[in-house]
N, C-alpha and C. Protein backbone atom coordinates (compact mmCIF):
# COMPACT_ATOMS: atom_id res chain seq x y z
N MET A 1 10.15 29.38 -0.25
CA MET A 1 10.36 28.26 -1.15
C MET A 1 10.70 27.02 -0.33
N LYS A 2 10.07 25.90 -0.68
CA LYS A 2 10.30 24.65 0.05
C LYS A 2 11.63 24.04 -0.31
N GLU A 3 12.29 23.51 0.71
CA GLU A 3 13.56 22.82 0.50
C GLU A 3 13.29 21.46 -0.15
N ALA A 4 14.04 21.14 -1.19
CA ALA A 4 13.89 19.84 -1.85
C ALA A 4 14.42 18.75 -0.94
N LYS A 5 13.61 17.71 -0.75
CA LYS A 5 14.01 16.60 0.11
C LYS A 5 14.41 15.42 -0.76
N PRO A 6 15.39 14.65 -0.32
CA PRO A 6 15.79 13.49 -1.11
C PRO A 6 14.71 12.41 -1.07
N GLY A 7 14.60 11.66 -2.14
CA GLY A 7 13.71 10.50 -2.14
C GLY A 7 14.37 9.38 -1.36
N TRP A 8 13.65 8.30 -1.12
CA TRP A 8 14.20 7.21 -0.32
C TRP A 8 15.43 6.60 -0.98
N ARG A 9 15.53 6.66 -2.30
CA ARG A 9 16.69 6.07 -2.99
C ARG A 9 17.96 6.89 -2.78
N GLU A 10 17.81 8.16 -2.49
CA GLU A 10 18.97 9.02 -2.29
C GLU A 10 19.48 9.01 -0.86
N LEU A 11 18.76 8.38 0.05
CA LEU A 11 19.20 8.33 1.44
C LEU A 11 20.43 7.44 1.55
N PRO A 12 21.37 7.78 2.42
CA PRO A 12 22.57 6.94 2.58
C PRO A 12 22.21 5.58 3.17
N PHE A 13 23.02 4.58 2.89
CA PHE A 13 22.81 3.24 3.40
C PHE A 13 22.68 3.27 4.92
N GLY A 14 21.66 2.61 5.42
CA GLY A 14 21.44 2.56 6.86
C GLY A 14 20.66 3.74 7.41
N ALA A 15 20.30 4.69 6.57
CA ALA A 15 19.56 5.86 7.04
C ALA A 15 18.13 5.46 7.37
N VAL A 16 17.56 6.14 8.32
CA VAL A 16 16.18 5.91 8.71
C VAL A 16 15.41 7.20 8.43
N PRO A 17 14.42 7.15 7.51
CA PRO A 17 13.63 8.36 7.26
C PRO A 17 12.91 8.77 8.54
N TYR A 18 12.95 10.02 8.86
CA TYR A 18 12.34 10.51 10.08
C TYR A 18 10.97 11.12 9.83
N LYS A 19 10.55 11.11 8.59
CA LYS A 19 9.25 11.67 8.22
C LYS A 19 8.29 10.55 7.86
N SER A 20 7.05 10.90 7.71
CA SER A 20 6.02 9.95 7.30
C SER A 20 6.33 9.39 5.92
N SER A 21 5.90 8.16 5.69
CA SER A 21 6.12 7.56 4.37
C SER A 21 5.30 8.28 3.29
N LEU A 22 4.41 9.17 3.69
CA LEU A 22 3.66 9.94 2.71
C LEU A 22 4.60 10.83 1.89
N GLU A 23 5.77 11.13 2.44
CA GLU A 23 6.73 11.95 1.71
C GLU A 23 7.65 11.12 0.82
N TYR A 24 7.56 9.79 0.93
CA TYR A 24 8.42 8.91 0.14
C TYR A 24 7.56 7.87 -0.57
N HIS A 25 7.49 7.97 -1.87
CA HIS A 25 6.76 6.95 -2.63
C HIS A 25 7.60 5.67 -2.62
N THR A 26 7.08 4.65 -1.97
CA THR A 26 7.84 3.42 -1.77
C THR A 26 7.19 2.22 -2.44
N GLY A 27 6.22 2.46 -3.29
CA GLY A 27 5.49 1.37 -3.92
C GLY A 27 6.32 0.50 -4.84
N ASP A 28 7.48 0.97 -5.25
CA ASP A 28 8.29 0.16 -6.16
C ASP A 28 9.20 -0.81 -5.41
N TRP A 29 9.06 -0.91 -4.10
CA TRP A 29 9.87 -1.85 -3.32
C TRP A 29 9.44 -3.29 -3.55
N GLY A 30 8.15 -3.52 -3.63
CA GLY A 30 7.63 -4.89 -3.68
C GLY A 30 7.53 -5.46 -5.08
N VAL A 31 7.23 -6.74 -5.14
CA VAL A 31 7.05 -7.42 -6.43
C VAL A 31 5.60 -7.84 -6.64
N GLU A 32 4.77 -7.67 -5.61
CA GLU A 32 3.36 -8.04 -5.74
C GLU A 32 2.48 -6.85 -5.40
N ARG A 33 1.23 -6.96 -5.83
CA ARG A 33 0.23 -5.94 -5.53
C ARG A 33 -1.09 -6.65 -5.24
N PRO A 34 -1.97 -6.03 -4.45
CA PRO A 34 -3.25 -6.66 -4.16
C PRO A 34 -4.21 -6.52 -5.34
N GLU A 35 -4.99 -7.56 -5.55
CA GLU A 35 -6.05 -7.53 -6.56
C GLU A 35 -7.34 -7.91 -5.83
N PHE A 36 -8.36 -7.09 -5.99
CA PHE A 36 -9.62 -7.27 -5.25
C PHE A 36 -10.66 -7.95 -6.12
N ASP A 37 -11.37 -8.90 -5.52
CA ASP A 37 -12.54 -9.52 -6.15
C ASP A 37 -13.74 -8.78 -5.56
N LEU A 38 -14.28 -7.83 -6.31
CA LEU A 38 -15.34 -6.97 -5.78
C LEU A 38 -16.63 -7.73 -5.51
N GLU A 39 -16.81 -8.89 -6.12
CA GLU A 39 -18.00 -9.69 -5.83
C GLU A 39 -17.90 -10.37 -4.47
N LYS A 40 -16.70 -10.70 -4.04
CA LYS A 40 -16.49 -11.31 -2.72
C LYS A 40 -16.37 -10.26 -1.62
N CYS A 41 -15.90 -9.06 -1.98
CA CYS A 41 -15.64 -8.01 -1.00
C CYS A 41 -16.92 -7.60 -0.28
N THR A 42 -16.87 -7.59 1.07
CA THR A 42 -18.02 -7.21 1.89
C THR A 42 -17.97 -5.75 2.32
N ARG A 43 -16.92 -5.03 1.90
CA ARG A 43 -16.71 -3.62 2.25
C ARG A 43 -16.56 -3.43 3.76
N CYS A 44 -15.92 -4.41 4.41
CA CYS A 44 -15.72 -4.34 5.86
C CYS A 44 -14.64 -3.32 6.25
N THR A 45 -13.79 -2.93 5.32
CA THR A 45 -12.70 -1.96 5.46
C THR A 45 -11.52 -2.45 6.30
N LEU A 46 -11.48 -3.73 6.64
CA LEU A 46 -10.34 -4.23 7.42
C LEU A 46 -9.03 -4.08 6.65
N CYS A 47 -9.07 -4.24 5.33
CA CYS A 47 -7.85 -4.07 4.54
C CYS A 47 -7.28 -2.67 4.73
N HIS A 48 -8.14 -1.69 4.77
CA HIS A 48 -7.73 -0.30 4.98
C HIS A 48 -7.04 -0.14 6.35
N PHE A 49 -7.63 -0.71 7.38
CA PHE A 49 -7.09 -0.54 8.73
C PHE A 49 -5.83 -1.36 8.97
N TYR A 50 -5.69 -2.51 8.31
CA TYR A 50 -4.49 -3.33 8.50
C TYR A 50 -3.31 -2.88 7.65
N CYS A 51 -3.56 -2.14 6.58
CA CYS A 51 -2.47 -1.72 5.69
C CYS A 51 -1.49 -0.82 6.44
N PRO A 52 -0.22 -1.25 6.60
CA PRO A 52 0.73 -0.45 7.37
C PRO A 52 1.12 0.85 6.69
N GLU A 53 0.87 0.98 5.40
CA GLU A 53 1.23 2.20 4.68
C GLU A 53 0.03 3.10 4.39
N GLY A 54 -1.16 2.67 4.75
CA GLY A 54 -2.35 3.47 4.46
C GLY A 54 -2.60 3.60 2.97
N ALA A 55 -2.21 2.58 2.22
CA ALA A 55 -2.31 2.64 0.76
C ALA A 55 -3.68 2.23 0.24
N ILE A 56 -4.56 1.74 1.10
CA ILE A 56 -5.88 1.30 0.67
C ILE A 56 -6.93 2.26 1.19
N GLY A 57 -7.71 2.79 0.28
CA GLY A 57 -8.81 3.67 0.63
C GLY A 57 -10.07 3.14 -0.04
N PHE A 58 -11.19 3.79 0.22
CA PHE A 58 -12.45 3.37 -0.39
C PHE A 58 -13.01 4.52 -1.20
N GLU A 59 -13.26 4.26 -2.47
CA GLU A 59 -13.85 5.23 -3.38
C GLU A 59 -15.11 4.62 -3.96
N ALA A 60 -16.20 5.33 -3.92
CA ALA A 60 -17.48 4.85 -4.46
C ALA A 60 -17.85 3.49 -3.87
N GLY A 61 -17.49 3.26 -2.62
CA GLY A 61 -17.88 2.05 -1.93
C GLY A 61 -17.04 0.82 -2.19
N HIS A 62 -15.94 0.96 -2.91
CA HIS A 62 -15.07 -0.20 -3.12
C HIS A 62 -13.61 0.19 -2.89
N PRO A 63 -12.78 -0.82 -2.57
CA PRO A 63 -11.38 -0.53 -2.23
C PRO A 63 -10.56 -0.08 -3.43
N GLU A 64 -9.68 0.88 -3.18
CA GLU A 64 -8.75 1.39 -4.18
C GLU A 64 -7.36 1.37 -3.55
N VAL A 65 -6.37 0.93 -4.30
CA VAL A 65 -5.00 0.86 -3.80
C VAL A 65 -4.16 1.93 -4.47
N ASP A 66 -3.41 2.69 -3.69
CA ASP A 66 -2.46 3.64 -4.22
C ASP A 66 -1.13 2.91 -4.37
N LEU A 67 -0.82 2.49 -5.59
CA LEU A 67 0.38 1.70 -5.83
C LEU A 67 1.67 2.50 -5.63
N GLY A 68 1.56 3.80 -5.48
CA GLY A 68 2.72 4.62 -5.16
C GLY A 68 3.24 4.36 -3.75
N TYR A 69 2.38 3.79 -2.90
CA TYR A 69 2.76 3.52 -1.52
C TYR A 69 2.69 2.05 -1.15
N CYS A 70 1.91 1.25 -1.87
CA CYS A 70 1.76 -0.18 -1.56
C CYS A 70 3.08 -0.90 -1.79
N LYS A 71 3.56 -1.59 -0.75
CA LYS A 71 4.82 -2.32 -0.85
C LYS A 71 4.61 -3.79 -1.19
N GLY A 72 3.36 -4.20 -1.32
CA GLY A 72 3.09 -5.59 -1.67
C GLY A 72 3.32 -6.57 -0.55
N CYS A 73 3.14 -6.14 0.69
CA CYS A 73 3.42 -7.01 1.84
C CYS A 73 2.42 -8.14 1.99
N GLY A 74 1.19 -7.95 1.52
CA GLY A 74 0.18 -9.00 1.59
C GLY A 74 -0.61 -9.07 2.88
N ILE A 75 -0.40 -8.12 3.78
CA ILE A 75 -1.15 -8.13 5.04
C ILE A 75 -2.64 -8.00 4.76
N CYS A 76 -3.01 -7.17 3.81
CA CYS A 76 -4.43 -6.99 3.49
C CYS A 76 -5.06 -8.31 3.05
N ALA A 77 -4.37 -9.05 2.18
CA ALA A 77 -4.88 -10.33 1.69
C ALA A 77 -4.96 -11.35 2.83
N ASN A 78 -3.98 -11.33 3.71
CA ASN A 78 -3.96 -12.27 4.83
C ASN A 78 -5.09 -12.01 5.82
N GLU A 79 -5.44 -10.75 6.02
CA GLU A 79 -6.44 -10.38 7.02
C GLU A 79 -7.86 -10.31 6.48
N CYS A 80 -8.05 -10.37 5.18
CA CYS A 80 -9.39 -10.24 4.59
C CYS A 80 -10.25 -11.45 4.96
N PRO A 81 -11.32 -11.24 5.74
CA PRO A 81 -12.15 -12.37 6.16
C PRO A 81 -12.95 -12.99 5.01
N ALA A 82 -13.16 -12.24 3.95
CA ALA A 82 -13.94 -12.74 2.80
C ALA A 82 -13.05 -13.37 1.74
N GLU A 83 -11.74 -13.34 1.97
CA GLU A 83 -10.77 -13.84 0.98
C GLU A 83 -11.00 -13.20 -0.39
N ALA A 84 -11.24 -11.90 -0.36
CA ALA A 84 -11.53 -11.13 -1.57
C ALA A 84 -10.28 -10.48 -2.16
N ILE A 85 -9.12 -10.69 -1.53
CA ILE A 85 -7.89 -10.07 -2.00
C ILE A 85 -6.88 -11.16 -2.26
N ARG A 86 -6.25 -11.09 -3.42
CA ARG A 86 -5.14 -11.99 -3.71
C ARG A 86 -3.97 -11.15 -4.19
N MET A 87 -2.80 -11.60 -3.90
CA MET A 87 -1.60 -10.88 -4.30
C MET A 87 -1.16 -11.41 -5.67
N VAL A 88 -0.91 -10.47 -6.59
CA VAL A 88 -0.46 -10.82 -7.93
C VAL A 88 0.84 -10.11 -8.23
N ARG A 89 1.62 -10.69 -9.07
CA ARG A 89 2.91 -10.12 -9.44
C ARG A 89 2.72 -8.80 -10.19
N LYS A 90 3.49 -7.79 -9.80
CA LYS A 90 3.44 -6.51 -10.51
C LYS A 90 4.01 -6.71 -11.90
N GLY A 91 3.50 -5.95 -12.83
CA GLY A 91 4.08 -6.08 -14.15
C GLY A 91 3.37 -5.43 -15.22
């Protein structure tokens, strides 16, 4: 039987998770999320490679964001050469 691990909210103040962020859903940290303009998107996949959390994947040839891990940092929007990504307020 697997040992239950605490979520990131249960960690003591100042604690540093020693495991991959895949074990901690951290998408509720941010206030923004990426929104893709699929007509502008060139499918270059740079957003996928620049995302520090690996929250962007490609399904059926277009980008998909896993909001369970996306922190809303905006790196994907900043690095998109086609300006196909804009950050919008979560809600």
